[in-house]
Amino acid sequence: MIHGEFAKPGQTDWAVLRQIGRTTSIWIFWNGSEIKPTRFASSSIESSTEFTEDGRTGNMRGISTVGKRQIMASYRLFGGTKPPPIDHQGIDDGLAGKASGINYLYRGKWIGWASSD
């Protein structure tokens, strides 16, 4: 679970990486409210699970809060959609030790950029 200003400056939102069945998704609780959370970035559990040397499995997916500096650095390094004016935070979503992606909410839609771990 992470928190940040994912919708607009001054509003504290919470993001949770949640598994339901064999699918993991990011759930955003706007302004900390349990009413009408948003679910996005769903993927199968198989795409985020790795086996350890002792045969165990573990979910390697994680999320973190990113700011303007990280968003702009990822855009300069990897390209993609030109970022809009950045006035709040985004969410980095990735697998431990592997590449990740940044998600940023702009005018009600999520924009994404490649990132690195």
PDB file of N, CA and C in Angstrom:
ATOM      1  N   MET A   1       0.853  -1.161   0.000  1.00  0.00           N
ATOM      2  CA  MET A   1       0.000   0.000   0.000  1.00  0.00           C
ATOM      3  C   MET A   1       0.906   1.233   0.000  1.00  0.00           C
ATOM      4  N   ILE A   2       0.544   2.189  -0.863  1.00  0.00           N
ATOM      5  CA  ILE A   2       1.277   3.445  -0.927  1.00  0.00           C
ATOM      6  C   ILE A   2       0.268   4.594  -0.906  1.00  0.00           C
ATOM      7  N   HIS A   3       0.765   5.776  -0.635  1.00  0.00           N
ATOM      8  CA  HIS A   3      -0.110   6.946  -0.720  1.00  0.00           C
ATOM      9  C   HIS A   3       0.626   8.048  -1.451  1.00  0.00           C
ATOM     10  N   GLY A   4      -0.141   8.924  -2.040  1.00  0.00           N
ATOM     11  CA  GLY A   4       0.428  10.043  -2.776  1.00  0.00           C
ATOM     12  C   GLY A   4      -0.682  10.910  -3.324  1.00  0.00           C
ATOM     13  N   GLU A   5      -0.282  11.917  -4.037  1.00  0.00           N
ATOM     14  CA  GLU A   5      -1.235  12.830  -4.679  1.00  0.00           C
ATOM     15  C   GLU A   5      -1.401  12.383  -6.127  1.00  0.00           C
ATOM     16  N   PHE A   6      -2.213  11.355  -6.352  1.00  0.00           N
ATOM     17  CA  PHE A   6      -2.333  10.730  -7.670  1.00  0.00           C
ATOM     18  C   PHE A   6      -3.357  11.390  -8.575  1.00  0.00           C
ATOM     19  N   ALA A   7      -4.259  12.183  -8.021  1.00  0.00           N
ATOM     20  CA  ALA A   7      -5.280  12.849  -8.834  1.00  0.00           C
ATOM     21  C   ALA A   7      -5.005  14.334  -8.998  1.00  0.00           C
ATOM     22  N   LYS A   8      -4.603  14.967  -7.899  1.00  0.00           N
ATOM     23  CA  LYS A   8      -4.350  16.406  -7.932  1.00  0.00           C
ATOM     24  C   LYS A   8      -3.544  16.802  -6.705  1.00  0.00           C
ATOM     25  N   PRO A   9      -2.857  17.935  -6.796  1.00  0.00           N
ATOM     26  CA  PRO A   9      -2.069  18.391  -5.652  1.00  0.00           C
ATOM     27  C   PRO A   9      -2.951  18.629  -4.424  1.00  0.00           C
ATOM     28  N   GLY A  10      -2.464  18.222  -3.265  1.00  0.00           N
ATOM     29  CA  GLY A  10      -3.180  18.462  -2.028  1.00  0.00           C
ATOM     30  C   GLY A  10      -4.172  17.390  -1.629  1.00  0.00           C
ATOM     31  N   GLN A  11      -4.440  16.426  -2.504  1.00  0.00           N
ATOM     32  CA  GLN A  11      -5.376  15.339  -2.187  1.00  0.00           C
ATOM     33  C   GLN A  11      -4.576  14.064  -1.973  1.00  0.00           C
ATOM     34  N   THR A  12      -4.690  13.462  -0.804  1.00  0.00           N
ATOM     35  CA  THR A  12      -3.962  12.235  -0.525  1.00  0.00           C
ATOM     36  C   THR A  12      -4.807  11.035  -0.927  1.00  0.00           C
ATOM     37  N   ASP A  13      -4.294  10.290  -1.890  1.00  0.00           N
ATOM     38  CA  ASP A  13      -4.947   9.080  -2.391  1.00  0.00           C
ATOM     39  C   ASP A  13      -4.130   7.871  -1.950  1.00  0.00           C
ATOM     40  N   TRP A  14      -4.771   6.736  -1.881  1.00  0.00           N
ATOM     41  CA  TRP A  14      -4.104   5.493  -1.502  1.00  0.00           C
ATOM     42  C   TRP A  14      -4.167   4.510  -2.659  1.00  0.00           C
ATOM     43  N   ALA A  15      -3.065   3.818  -2.911  1.00  0.00           N
ATOM     44  CA  ALA A  15      -3.008   2.790  -3.948  1.00  0.00           C
ATOM     45  C   ALA A  15      -2.625   1.462  -3.305  1.00  0.00           C
ATOM     46  N   VAL A  16      -3.316   0.423  -3.717  1.00  0.00           N
ATOM     47  CA  VAL A  16      -3.103  -0.908  -3.163  1.00  0.00           C
ATOM     48  C   VAL A  16      -2.918  -1.881  -4.313  1.00  0.00           C
ATOM     49  N   LEU A  17      -1.928  -2.731  -4.210  1.00  0.00           N
ATOM     50  CA  LEU A  17      -1.753  -3.821  -5.153  1.00  0.00           C
ATOM     51  C   LEU A  17      -2.517  -5.000  -4.581  1.00  0.00           C
ATOM     52  N   ARG A  18      -3.529  -5.442  -5.311  1.00  0.00           N
ATOM     53  CA  ARG A  18      -4.458  -6.433  -4.778  1.00  0.00           C
ATOM     54  C   ARG A  18      -4.574  -7.624  -5.716  1.00  0.00           C
ATOM     55  N   GLN A  19      -4.611  -8.803  -5.140  1.00  0.00           N
ATOM     56  CA  GLN A  19      -4.809 -10.027  -5.920  1.00  0.00           C
ATOM     57  C   GLN A  19      -6.193 -10.572  -5.647  1.00  0.00           C
ATOM     58  N   ILE A  20      -6.940 -10.812  -6.724  1.00  0.00           N
ATOM     59  CA  ILE A  20      -8.238 -11.472  -6.637  1.00  0.00           C
ATOM     60  C   ILE A  20      -8.168 -12.645  -7.601  1.00  0.00           C
ATOM     61  N   GLY A  21      -8.283 -13.839  -7.058  1.00  0.00           N
ATOM     62  CA  GLY A  21      -8.134 -15.022  -7.894  1.00  0.00           C
ATOM     63  C   GLY A  21      -6.726 -15.080  -8.454  1.00  0.00           C
ATOM     64  N   ARG A  22      -6.615 -15.154  -9.764  1.00  0.00           N
ATOM     65  CA  ARG A  22      -5.313 -15.248 -10.421  1.00  0.00           C
ATOM     66  C   ARG A  22      -4.950 -13.943 -11.124  1.00  0.00           C
ATOM     67  N   THR A  23      -5.532 -12.832 -10.672  1.00  0.00           N
ATOM     68  CA  THR A  23      -5.280 -11.525 -11.281  1.00  0.00           C
ATOM     69  C   THR A  23      -4.835 -10.530 -10.216  1.00  0.00           C
ATOM     70  N   THR A  24      -3.782  -9.772 -10.521  1.00  0.00           N
ATOM     71  CA  THR A  24      -3.378  -8.673  -9.645  1.00  0.00           C
ATOM     72  C   THR A  24      -3.744  -7.363 -10.334  1.00  0.00           C
ATOM     73  N   SER A  25      -4.145  -6.373  -9.542  1.00  0.00           N
ATOM     74  CA  SER A  25      -4.532  -5.068 -10.061  1.00  0.00           C
ATOM     75  C   SER A  25      -4.113  -3.999  -9.062  1.00  0.00           C
ATOM     76  N   ILE A  26      -4.004  -2.774  -9.559  1.00  0.00           N
ATOM     77  CA  ILE A  26      -3.804  -1.628  -8.684  1.00  0.00           C
ATOM     78  C   ILE A  26      -5.175  -1.025  -8.434  1.00  0.00           C
ATOM     79  N   TRP A  27      -5.480  -0.783  -7.179  1.00  0.00           N
ATOM     80  CA  TRP A  27      -6.733  -0.147  -6.776  1.00  0.00           C
ATOM     81  C   TRP A  27      -6.389   1.196  -6.163  1.00  0.00           C
ATOM     82  N   ILE A  28      -7.055   2.251  -6.610  1.00  0.00           N
ATOM     83  CA  ILE A  28      -6.849   3.593  -6.079  1.00  0.00           C
ATOM     84  C   ILE A  28      -8.079   3.993  -5.268  1.00  0.00           C
ATOM     85  N   PHE A  29      -7.827   4.427  -4.044  1.00  0.00           N
ATOM     86  CA  PHE A  29      -8.879   4.936  -3.171  1.00  0.00           C
ATOM     87  C   PHE A  29      -8.698   6.451  -3.111  1.00  0.00           C
ATOM     88  N   TRP A  30      -9.537   7.152  -3.863  1.00  0.00           N
ATOM     89  CA  TRP A  30      -9.419   8.600  -4.035  1.00  0.00           C
ATOM     90  C   TRP A  30      -9.714   9.337  -2.742  1.00  0.00           C
ATOM     91  N   ASN A  31      -8.800  10.193  -2.365  1.00  0.00           N
ATOM     92  CA  ASN A  31      -8.935  11.001  -1.154  1.00  0.00           C
ATOM     93  C   ASN A  31      -9.164  10.116   0.077  1.00  0.00           C
ATOM     94  N   GLY A  32      -8.655   8.876   0.024  1.00  0.00           N
ATOM     95  CA  GLY A  32      -8.778   7.942   1.137  1.00  0.00           C
ATOM     96  C   GLY A  32     -10.154   7.331   1.316  1.00  0.00           C
ATOM     97  N   SER A  33     -11.060   7.566   0.377  1.00  0.00           N
ATOM     98  CA  SER A  33     -12.433   7.082   0.507  1.00  0.00           C
ATOM     99  C   SER A  33     -12.573   5.654  -0.029  1.00  0.00           C
ATOM    100  N   GLU A  34     -13.393   4.863   0.641  1.00  0.00           N
ATOM    101  CA  GLU A  34     -13.697   3.509   0.183  1.00  0.00           C
ATOM    102  C   GLU A  34     -14.770   3.509  -0.905  1.00  0.00           C
ATOM    103  N   ILE A  35     -15.373   4.647  -1.169  1.00  0.00           N
ATOM    104  CA  ILE A  35     -16.441   4.750  -2.162  1.00  0.00           C
ATOM    105  C   ILE A  35     -15.836   4.899  -3.555  1.00  0.00           C
ATOM    106  N   LYS A  36     -16.259   4.051  -4.467  1.00  0.00           N
ATOM    107  CA  LYS A  36     -15.863   4.074  -5.875  1.00  0.00           C
ATOM    108  C   LYS A  36     -14.353   4.091  -6.119  1.00  0.00           C
ATOM    109  N   PRO A  37     -13.640   3.075  -5.614  1.00  0.00           N
ATOM    110  CA  PRO A  37     -12.219   2.998  -5.958  1.00  0.00           C
ATOM    111  C   PRO A  37     -12.058   2.681  -7.443  1.00  0.00           C
ATOM    112  N   THR A  38     -10.916   2.991  -7.980  1.00  0.00           N
ATOM    113  CA  THR A  38     -10.609   2.712  -9.386  1.00  0.00           C
ATOM    114  C   THR A  38      -9.634   1.545  -9.458  1.00  0.00           C
ATOM    115  N   ARG A  39      -9.913   0.605 -10.349  1.00  0.00           N
ATOM    116  CA  ARG A  39      -9.016  -0.526 -10.576  1.00  0.00           C
ATOM    117  C   ARG A  39      -8.387  -0.367 -11.949  1.00  0.00           C
ATOM    118  N   PHE A  40      -7.070  -0.561 -12.041  1.00  0.00           N
ATOM    119  CA  PHE A  40      -6.401  -0.528 -13.342  1.00  0.00           C
ATOM    120  C   PHE A  40      -5.128  -1.360 -13.294  1.00  0.00           C
ATOM    121  N   ALA A  41      -4.470  -1.469 -14.426  1.00  0.00           N
ATOM    122  CA  ALA A  41      -3.207  -2.201 -14.566  1.00  0.00           C
ATOM    123  C   ALA A  41      -3.330  -3.645 -14.073  1.00  0.00           C
ATOM    124  N   SER A  42      -4.352  -4.333 -14.537  1.00  0.00           N
ATOM    125  CA  SER A  42      -4.544  -5.732 -14.160  1.00  0.00           C
ATOM    126  C   SER A  42      -3.631  -6.638 -14.975  1.00  0.00           C
ATOM    127  N   SER A  43      -3.123  -7.687 -14.328  1.00  0.00           N
ATOM    128  CA  SER A  43      -2.326  -8.682 -15.041  1.00  0.00           C
ATOM    129  C   SER A  43      -2.489 -10.032 -14.358  1.00  0.00           C
ATOM    130  N   SER A  44      -2.198 -11.083 -15.100  1.00  0.00           N
ATOM    131  CA  SER A  44      -2.330 -12.432 -14.540  1.00  0.00           C
ATOM    132  C   SER A  44      -1.239 -12.657 -13.509  1.00  0.00           C
ATOM    133  N   ILE A  45      -1.546 -13.445 -12.523  1.00  0.00           N
ATOM    134  CA  ILE A  45      -0.586 -13.739 -11.466  1.00  0.00           C
ATOM    135  C   ILE A  45       0.650 -14.438 -12.040  1.00  0.00           C
ATOM    136  N   GLU A  46       0.467 -15.186 -13.112  1.00  0.00           N
ATOM    137  CA  GLU A  46       1.597 -15.894 -13.719  1.00  0.00           C
ATOM    138  C   GLU A  46       2.657 -14.928 -14.249  1.00  0.00           C
ATOM    139  N   SER A  47       2.239 -13.750 -14.702  1.00  0.00           N
ATOM    140  CA  SER A  47       3.198 -12.799 -15.259  1.00  0.00           C
ATOM    141  C   SER A  47       4.012 -12.082 -14.170  1.00  0.00           C
ATOM    142  N   SER A  48       3.607 -12.207 -12.911  1.00  0.00           N
ATOM    143  CA  SER A  48       4.335 -11.525 -11.853  1.00  0.00           C
ATOM    144  C   SER A  48       4.826 -12.479 -10.762  1.00  0.00           C
ATOM    145  N   THR A  49       4.854 -13.772 -11.070  1.00  0.00           N
ATOM    146  CA  THR A  49       5.291 -14.776 -10.104  1.00  0.00           C
ATOM    147  C   THR A  49       6.598 -15.396 -10.585  1.00  0.00           C
ATOM    148  N   GLU A  50       7.521 -15.589  -9.657  1.00  0.00           N
ATOM    149  CA  GLU A  50       8.781 -16.240  -9.984  1.00  0.00           C
ATOM    150  C   GLU A  50       9.023 -17.373  -8.995  1.00  0.00           C
ATOM    151  N   PHE A  51       9.790 -18.358  -9.441  1.00  0.00           N
ATOM    152  CA  PHE A  51      10.163 -19.470  -8.582  1.00  0.00           C
ATOM    153  C   PHE A  51      11.527 -19.195  -7.966  1.00  0.00           C
ATOM    154  N   THR A  52      11.659 -19.511  -6.687  1.00  0.00           N
ATOM    155  CA  THR A  52      12.941 -19.354  -6.003  1.00  0.00           C
ATOM    156  C   THR A  52      13.744 -20.636  -6.156  1.00  0.00           C
ATOM    157  N   GLU A  53      14.998 -20.599  -5.713  1.00  0.00           N
ATOM    158  CA  GLU A  53      15.862 -21.785  -5.826  1.00  0.00           C
ATOM    159  C   GLU A  53      15.312 -22.977  -5.058  1.00  0.00           C
ATOM    160  N   ASP A  54      14.568 -22.724  -3.985  1.00  0.00           N
ATOM    161  CA  ASP A  54      14.025 -23.837  -3.198  1.00  0.00           C
ATOM    162  C   ASP A  54      12.634 -24.279  -3.674  1.00  0.00           C
ATOM    163  N   GLY A  55      12.208 -23.783  -4.855  1.00  0.00           N
ATOM    164  CA  GLY A  55      10.951 -24.219  -5.449  1.00  0.00           C
ATOM    165  C   GLY A  55       9.726 -23.444  -5.013  1.00  0.00           C
ATOM    166  N   ARG A  56       9.889 -22.462  -4.167  1.00  0.00           N
ATOM    167  CA  ARG A  56       8.758 -21.640  -3.731  1.00  0.00           C
ATOM    168  C   ARG A  56       8.424 -20.603  -4.796  1.00  0.00           C
ATOM    169  N   THR A  57       7.206 -20.124  -4.712  1.00  0.00           N
ATOM    170  CA  THR A  57       6.812 -19.043  -5.614  1.00  0.00           C
ATOM    171  C   THR A  57       6.586 -17.777  -4.811  1.00  0.00           C
ATOM    172  N   GLY A  58       6.744 -16.649  -5.485  1.00  0.00           N
ATOM    173  CA  GLY A  58       6.511 -15.381  -4.824  1.00  0.00           C
ATOM    174  C   GLY A  58       6.051 -14.337  -5.821  1.00  0.00           C
ATOM    175  N   ASN A  59       5.163 -13.480  -5.379  1.00  0.00           N
ATOM    176  CA  ASN A  59       4.695 -12.387  -6.234  1.00  0.00           C
ATOM    177  C   ASN A  59       5.748 -11.297  -6.193  1.00  0.00           C
ATOM    178  N   MET A  60       6.317 -10.975  -7.318  1.00  0.00           N
ATOM    179  CA  MET A  60       7.414 -10.028  -7.392  1.00  0.00           C
ATOM    180  C   MET A  60       6.949  -8.630  -7.814  1.00  0.00           C
ATOM    181  N   ARG A  61       5.661  -8.428  -7.978  1.00  0.00           N
ATOM    182  CA  ARG A  61       5.139  -7.144  -8.422  1.00  0.00           C
ATOM    183  C   ARG A  61       5.072  -6.156  -7.257  1.00  0.00           C
ATOM    184  N   GLY A  62       5.418  -4.911  -7.537  1.00  0.00           N
ATOM    185  CA  GLY A  62       5.367  -3.893  -6.500  1.00  0.00           C
ATOM    186  C   GLY A  62       5.035  -2.533  -7.092  1.00  0.00           C
ATOM    187  N   ILE A  63       4.566  -1.629  -6.250  1.00  0.00           N
ATOM    188  CA  ILE A  63       4.234  -0.275  -6.684  1.00  0.00           C
ATOM    189  C   ILE A  63       4.934   0.725  -5.769  1.00  0.00           C
ATOM    190  N   SER A  64       5.216   1.898  -6.315  1.00  0.00           N
ATOM    191  CA  SER A  64       5.798   2.977  -5.523  1.00  0.00           C
ATOM    192  C   SER A  64       5.342   4.313  -6.104  1.00  0.00           C
ATOM    193  N   THR A  65       5.447   5.336  -5.289  1.00  0.00           N
ATOM    194  CA  THR A  65       5.069   6.687  -5.694  1.00  0.00           C
ATOM    195  C   THR A  65       6.239   7.335  -6.425  1.00  0.00           C
ATOM    196  N   VAL A  66       5.952   8.028  -7.538  1.00  0.00           N
ATOM    197  CA  VAL A  66       6.990   8.745  -8.274  1.00  0.00           C
ATOM    198  C   VAL A  66       6.559  10.193  -8.485  1.00  0.00           C
ATOM    199  N   GLY A  67       7.538  11.056  -8.582  1.00  0.00           N
ATOM    200  CA  GLY A  67       7.282  12.471  -8.791  1.00  0.00           C
ATOM    201  C   GLY A  67       7.701  12.931 -10.176  1.00  0.00           C
ATOM    202  N   LYS A  68       7.632  14.217 -10.376  1.00  0.00           N
ATOM    203  CA  LYS A  68       7.924  14.828 -11.674  1.00  0.00           C
ATOM    204  C   LYS A  68       9.322  14.474 -12.164  1.00  0.00           C
ATOM    205  N   ARG A  69      10.306  14.507 -11.288  1.00  0.00           N
ATOM    206  CA  ARG A  69      11.694  14.214 -11.697  1.00  0.00           C
ATOM    207  C   ARG A  69      11.811  12.828 -12.317  1.00  0.00           C
ATOM    208  N   GLN A  70      11.225  11.817 -11.659  1.00  0.00           N
ATOM    209  CA  GLN A  70      11.309  10.452 -12.182  1.00  0.00           C
ATOM    210  C   GLN A  70      10.515  10.290 -13.471  1.00  0.00           C
ATOM    211  N   ILE A  71       9.352  10.932 -13.556  1.00  0.00           N
ATOM    212  CA  ILE A  71       8.538  10.844 -14.773  1.00  0.00           C
ATOM    213  C   ILE A  71       9.300  11.437 -15.951  1.00  0.00           C
ATOM    214  N   MET A  72       9.867  12.617 -15.760  1.00  0.00           N
ATOM    215  CA  MET A  72      10.595  13.278 -16.849  1.00  0.00           C
ATOM    216  C   MET A  72      11.861  12.503 -17.224  1.00  0.00           C
ATOM    217  N   ALA A  73      12.557  11.941 -16.249  1.00  0.00           N
ATOM    218  CA  ALA A  73      13.762  11.148 -16.535  1.00  0.00           C
ATOM    219  C   ALA A  73      13.408   9.916 -17.366  1.00  0.00           C
ATOM    220  N   SER A  74      12.312   9.251 -17.020  1.00  0.00           N
ATOM    221  CA  SER A  74      11.883   8.078 -17.792  1.00  0.00           C
ATOM    222  C   SER A  74      11.502   8.471 -19.213  1.00  0.00           C
ATOM    223  N   TYR A  75      10.803   9.576 -19.353  1.00  0.00           N
ATOM    224  CA  TYR A  75      10.430  10.046 -20.691  1.00  0.00           C
ATOM    225  C   TYR A  75      11.679  10.354 -21.521  1.00  0.00           C
ATOM    226  N   ARG A  76      12.644  11.052 -20.933  1.00  0.00           N
ATOM    227  CA  ARG A  76      13.874  11.379 -21.679  1.00  0.00           C
ATOM    228  C   ARG A  76      14.647  10.121 -22.055  1.00  0.00           C
ATOM    229  N   LEU A  77      14.669   9.143 -21.185  1.00  0.00           N
ATOM    230  CA  LEU A  77      15.441   7.925 -21.423  1.00  0.00           C
ATOM    231  C   LEU A  77      14.758   6.958 -22.388  1.00  0.00           C
ATOM    232  N   PHE A  78      13.436   6.777 -22.230  1.00  0.00           N
ATOM    233  CA  PHE A  78      12.733   5.755 -22.999  1.00  0.00           C
ATOM    234  C   PHE A  78      11.773   6.296 -24.057  1.00  0.00           C
ATOM    235  N   GLY A  79      11.487   7.603 -24.027  1.00  0.00           N
ATOM    236  CA  GLY A  79      10.554   8.167 -25.004  1.00  0.00           C
ATOM    237  C   GLY A  79       9.120   7.846 -24.644  1.00  0.00           C
ATOM    238  N   GLY A  80       8.275   7.896 -25.656  1.00  0.00           N
ATOM    239  CA  GLY A  80       6.856   7.641 -25.439  1.00  0.00           C
ATOM    240  C   GLY A  80       6.059   8.919 -25.569  1.00  0.00           C
ATOM    241  N   THR A  81       4.853   8.890 -25.046  1.00  0.00           N
ATOM    242  CA  THR A  81       3.968  10.045 -25.085  1.00  0.00           C
ATOM    243  C   THR A  81       4.599  11.222 -24.357  1.00  0.00           C
ATOM    244  N   LYS A  82       4.541  12.402 -24.973  1.00  0.00           N
ATOM    245  CA  LYS A  82       5.082  13.591 -24.314  1.00  0.00           C
ATOM    246  C   LYS A  82       4.274  13.854 -23.049  1.00  0.00           C
ATOM    247  N   PRO A  83       4.954  14.008 -21.916  1.00  0.00           N
ATOM    248  CA  PRO A  83       4.216  14.235 -20.667  1.00  0.00           C
ATOM    249  C   PRO A  83       3.442  15.552 -20.687  1.00  0.00           C
ATOM    250  N   PRO A  84       2.265  15.548 -20.105  1.00  0.00           N
ATOM    251  CA  PRO A  84       1.517  16.791 -19.924  1.00  0.00           C
ATOM    252  C   PRO A  84       2.191  17.584 -18.800  1.00  0.00           C
ATOM    253  N   PRO A  85       1.681  18.747 -18.451  1.00  0.00           N
ATOM    254  CA  PRO A  85       2.218  19.437 -17.274  1.00  0.00           C
ATOM    255  C   PRO A  85       2.073  18.524 -16.046  1.00  0.00           C
ATOM    256  N   ILE A  86       3.155  18.292 -15.332  1.00  0.00           N
ATOM    257  CA  ILE A  86       3.152  17.386 -14.181  1.00  0.00           C
ATOM    258  C   ILE A  86       2.981  18.207 -12.912  1.00  0.00           C
ATOM    259  N   ASP A  87       1.820  18.062 -12.242  1.00  0.00           N
ATOM    260  CA  ASP A  87       1.587  18.818 -11.021  1.00  0.00           C
ATOM    261  C   ASP A  87       1.210  17.933  -9.837  1.00  0.00           C
ATOM    262  N   HIS A  88       1.221  16.604 -10.048  1.00  0.00           N
ATOM    263  CA  HIS A  88       0.980  15.668  -8.956  1.00  0.00           C
ATOM    264  C   HIS A  88       1.823  14.423  -9.193  1.00  0.00           C
ATOM    265  N   GLN A  89       1.619  13.383  -8.428  1.00  0.00           N
ATOM    266  CA  GLN A  89       2.467  12.203  -8.492  1.00  0.00           C
ATOM    267  C   GLN A  89       1.886  11.101  -9.364  1.00  0.00           C
ATOM    268  N   GLY A  90       2.749  10.169  -9.722  1.00  0.00           N
ATOM    269  CA  GLY A  90       2.352   8.998 -10.477  1.00  0.00           C
ATOM    270  C   GLY A  90       2.680   7.736  -9.689  1.00  0.00           C
ATOM    271  N   ILE A  91       2.430   6.603 -10.326  1.00  0.00           N
ATOM    272  CA  ILE A  91       2.676   5.303  -9.700  1.00  0.00           C
ATOM    273  C   ILE A  91       3.616   4.495 -10.579  1.00  0.00           C
ATOM    274  N   ASP A  92       4.706   4.027  -9.991  1.00  0.00           N
ATOM    275  CA  ASP A  92       5.609   3.118 -10.678  1.00  0.00           C
ATOM    276  C   ASP A  92       5.154   1.704 -10.359  1.00  0.00           C
ATOM    277  N   ASP A  93       4.983   0.886 -11.385  1.00  0.00           N
ATOM    278  CA  ASP A  93       4.456  -0.469 -11.268  1.00  0.00           C
ATOM    279  C   ASP A  93       5.435  -1.408 -11.947  1.00  0.00           C
ATOM    280  N   GLY A  94       6.033  -2.320 -11.202  1.00  0.00           N
ATOM    281  CA  GLY A  94       7.000  -3.203 -11.835  1.00  0.00           C
ATOM    282  C   GLY A  94       7.287  -4.460 -11.053  1.00  0.00           C
ATOM    283  N   LEU A  95       8.148  -5.258 -11.654  1.00  0.00           N
ATOM    284  CA  LEU A  95       8.598  -6.499 -11.041  1.00  0.00           C
ATOM    285  C   LEU A  95       9.978  -6.279 -10.453  1.00  0.00           C
ATOM    286  N   ALA A  96      10.224  -6.830  -9.284  1.00  0.00           N
ATOM    287  CA  ALA A  96      11.504  -6.660  -8.607  1.00  0.00           C
ATOM    288  C   ALA A  96      12.654  -7.085  -9.516  1.00  0.00           C
ATOM    289  N   GLY A  97      13.627  -6.201  -9.673  1.00  0.00           N
ATOM    290  CA  GLY A  97      14.805  -6.504 -10.470  1.00  0.00           C
ATOM    291  C   GLY A  97      14.604  -6.426 -11.963  1.00  0.00           C
ATOM    292  N   LYS A  98      13.443  -5.975 -12.405  1.00  0.00           N
ATOM    293  CA  LYS A  98      13.155  -5.898 -13.837  1.00  0.00           C
ATOM    294  C   LYS A  98      12.589  -4.533 -14.162  1.00  0.00           C
ATOM    295  N   ALA A  99      12.389  -4.281 -15.437  1.00  0.00           N
ATOM    296  CA  ALA A  99      11.834  -3.000 -15.868  1.00  0.00           C
ATOM    297  C   ALA A  99      10.434  -2.789 -15.308  1.00  0.00           C
ATOM    298  N   SER A 100      10.042  -1.533 -15.266  1.00  0.00           N
ATOM    299  CA  SER A 100       8.735  -1.196 -14.739  1.00  0.00           C
ATOM    300  C   SER A 100       8.080  -0.153 -15.631  1.00  0.00           C
ATOM    301  N   GLY A 101       6.921   0.296 -15.239  1.00  0.00           N
ATOM    302  CA  GLY A 101       6.219   1.326 -15.987  1.00  0.00           C
ATOM    303  C   GLY A 101       5.653   2.366 -15.042  1.00  0.00           C
ATOM    304  N   ILE A 102       5.599   3.596 -15.504  1.00  0.00           N
ATOM    305  CA  ILE A 102       5.041   4.683 -14.709  1.00  0.00           C
ATOM    306  C   ILE A 102       3.654   5.000 -15.239  1.00  0.00           C
ATOM    307  N   ASN A 103       2.708   5.169 -14.337  1.00  0.00           N
ATOM    308  CA  ASN A 103       1.331   5.538 -14.675  1.00  0.00           C
ATOM    309  C   ASN A 103       1.033   6.906 -14.066  1.00  0.00           C
ATOM    310  N   TYR A 104       0.448   7.791 -14.876  1.00  0.00           N
ATOM    311  CA  TYR A 104       0.138   9.150 -14.429  1.00  0.00           C
ATOM    312  C   TYR A 104      -1.267   9.499 -14.887  1.00  0.00           C
ATOM    313  N   LEU A 105      -2.090   9.971 -13.972  1.00  0.00           N
ATOM    314  CA  LEU A 105      -3.463  10.330 -14.298  1.00  0.00           C
ATOM    315  C   LEU A 105      -3.520  11.768 -14.800  1.00  0.00           C
ATOM    316  N   TYR A 106      -4.048  11.933 -16.023  1.00  0.00           N
ATOM    317  CA  TYR A 106      -4.183  13.274 -16.611  1.00  0.00           C
ATOM    318  C   TYR A 106      -5.547  13.373 -17.281  1.00  0.00           C
ATOM    319  N   ARG A 107      -6.343  14.319 -16.822  1.00  0.00           N
ATOM    320  CA  ARG A 107      -7.689  14.544 -17.364  1.00  0.00           C
ATOM    321  C   ARG A 107      -8.526  13.270 -17.414  1.00  0.00           C
ATOM    322  N   GLY A 108      -8.440  12.492 -16.338  1.00  0.00           N
ATOM    323  CA  GLY A 108      -9.270  11.292 -16.205  1.00  0.00           C
ATOM    324  C   GLY A 108      -8.753  10.055 -16.911  1.00  0.00           C
ATOM    325  N   LYS A 109      -7.587  10.134 -17.562  1.00  0.00           N
ATOM    326  CA  LYS A 109      -7.029   8.971 -18.270  1.00  0.00           C
ATOM    327  C   LYS A 109      -5.612   8.715 -17.792  1.00  0.00           C
ATOM    328  N   TRP A 110      -5.260   7.426 -17.746  1.00  0.00           N
ATOM    329  CA  TRP A 110      -3.915   7.043 -17.338  1.00  0.00           C
ATOM    330  C   TRP A 110      -2.977   7.087 -18.531  1.00  0.00           C
ATOM    331  N   ILE A 111      -1.835   7.735 -18.366  1.00  0.00           N
ATOM    332  CA  ILE A 111      -0.770   7.808 -19.365  1.00  0.00           C
ATOM    333  C   ILE A 111       0.369   6.966 -18.816  1.00  0.00           C
ATOM    334  N   GLY A 112       1.052   6.238 -19.688  1.00  0.00           N
ATOM    335  CA  GLY A 112       2.134   5.382 -19.210  1.00  0.00           C
ATOM    336  C   GLY A 112       3.439   5.602 -19.930  1.00  0.00           C
ATOM    337  N   TRP A 113       4.541   5.397 -19.181  1.00  0.00           N
ATOM    338  CA  TRP A 113       5.878   5.460 -19.733  1.00  0.00           C
ATOM    339  C   TRP A 113       6.676   4.269 -19.212  1.00  0.00           C
ATOM    340  N   ALA A 114       7.611   3.811 -20.019  1.00  0.00           N
ATOM    341  CA  ALA A 114       8.534   2.780 -19.564  1.00  0.00           C
ATOM    342  C   ALA A 114       9.440   3.385 -18.505  1.00  0.00           C
ATOM    343  N   SER A 115       9.909   2.544 -17.621  1.00  0.00           N
ATOM    344  CA  SER A 115      10.812   2.988 -16.569  1.00  0.00           C
ATOM    345  C   SER A 115      11.826   1.881 -16.340  1.00  0.00           C
ATOM    346  N   SER A 116      12.730   2.092 -15.425  1.00  0.00           N
ATOM    347  CA  SER A 116      13.687   1.045 -15.086  1.00  0.00           C
ATOM    348  C   SER A 116      13.655   0.805 -13.600  1.00  0.00           C
ATOM    349  N   ASP A 117      14.070  -0.385 -13.193  1.00  0.00           N
ATOM    350  CA  ASP A 117      14.028  -0.752 -11.782  1.00  0.00           C
ATOM    351  C   ASP A 117      15.133  -0.066 -11.022  1.00  0.00           C
TER     352      ASP A 117
END
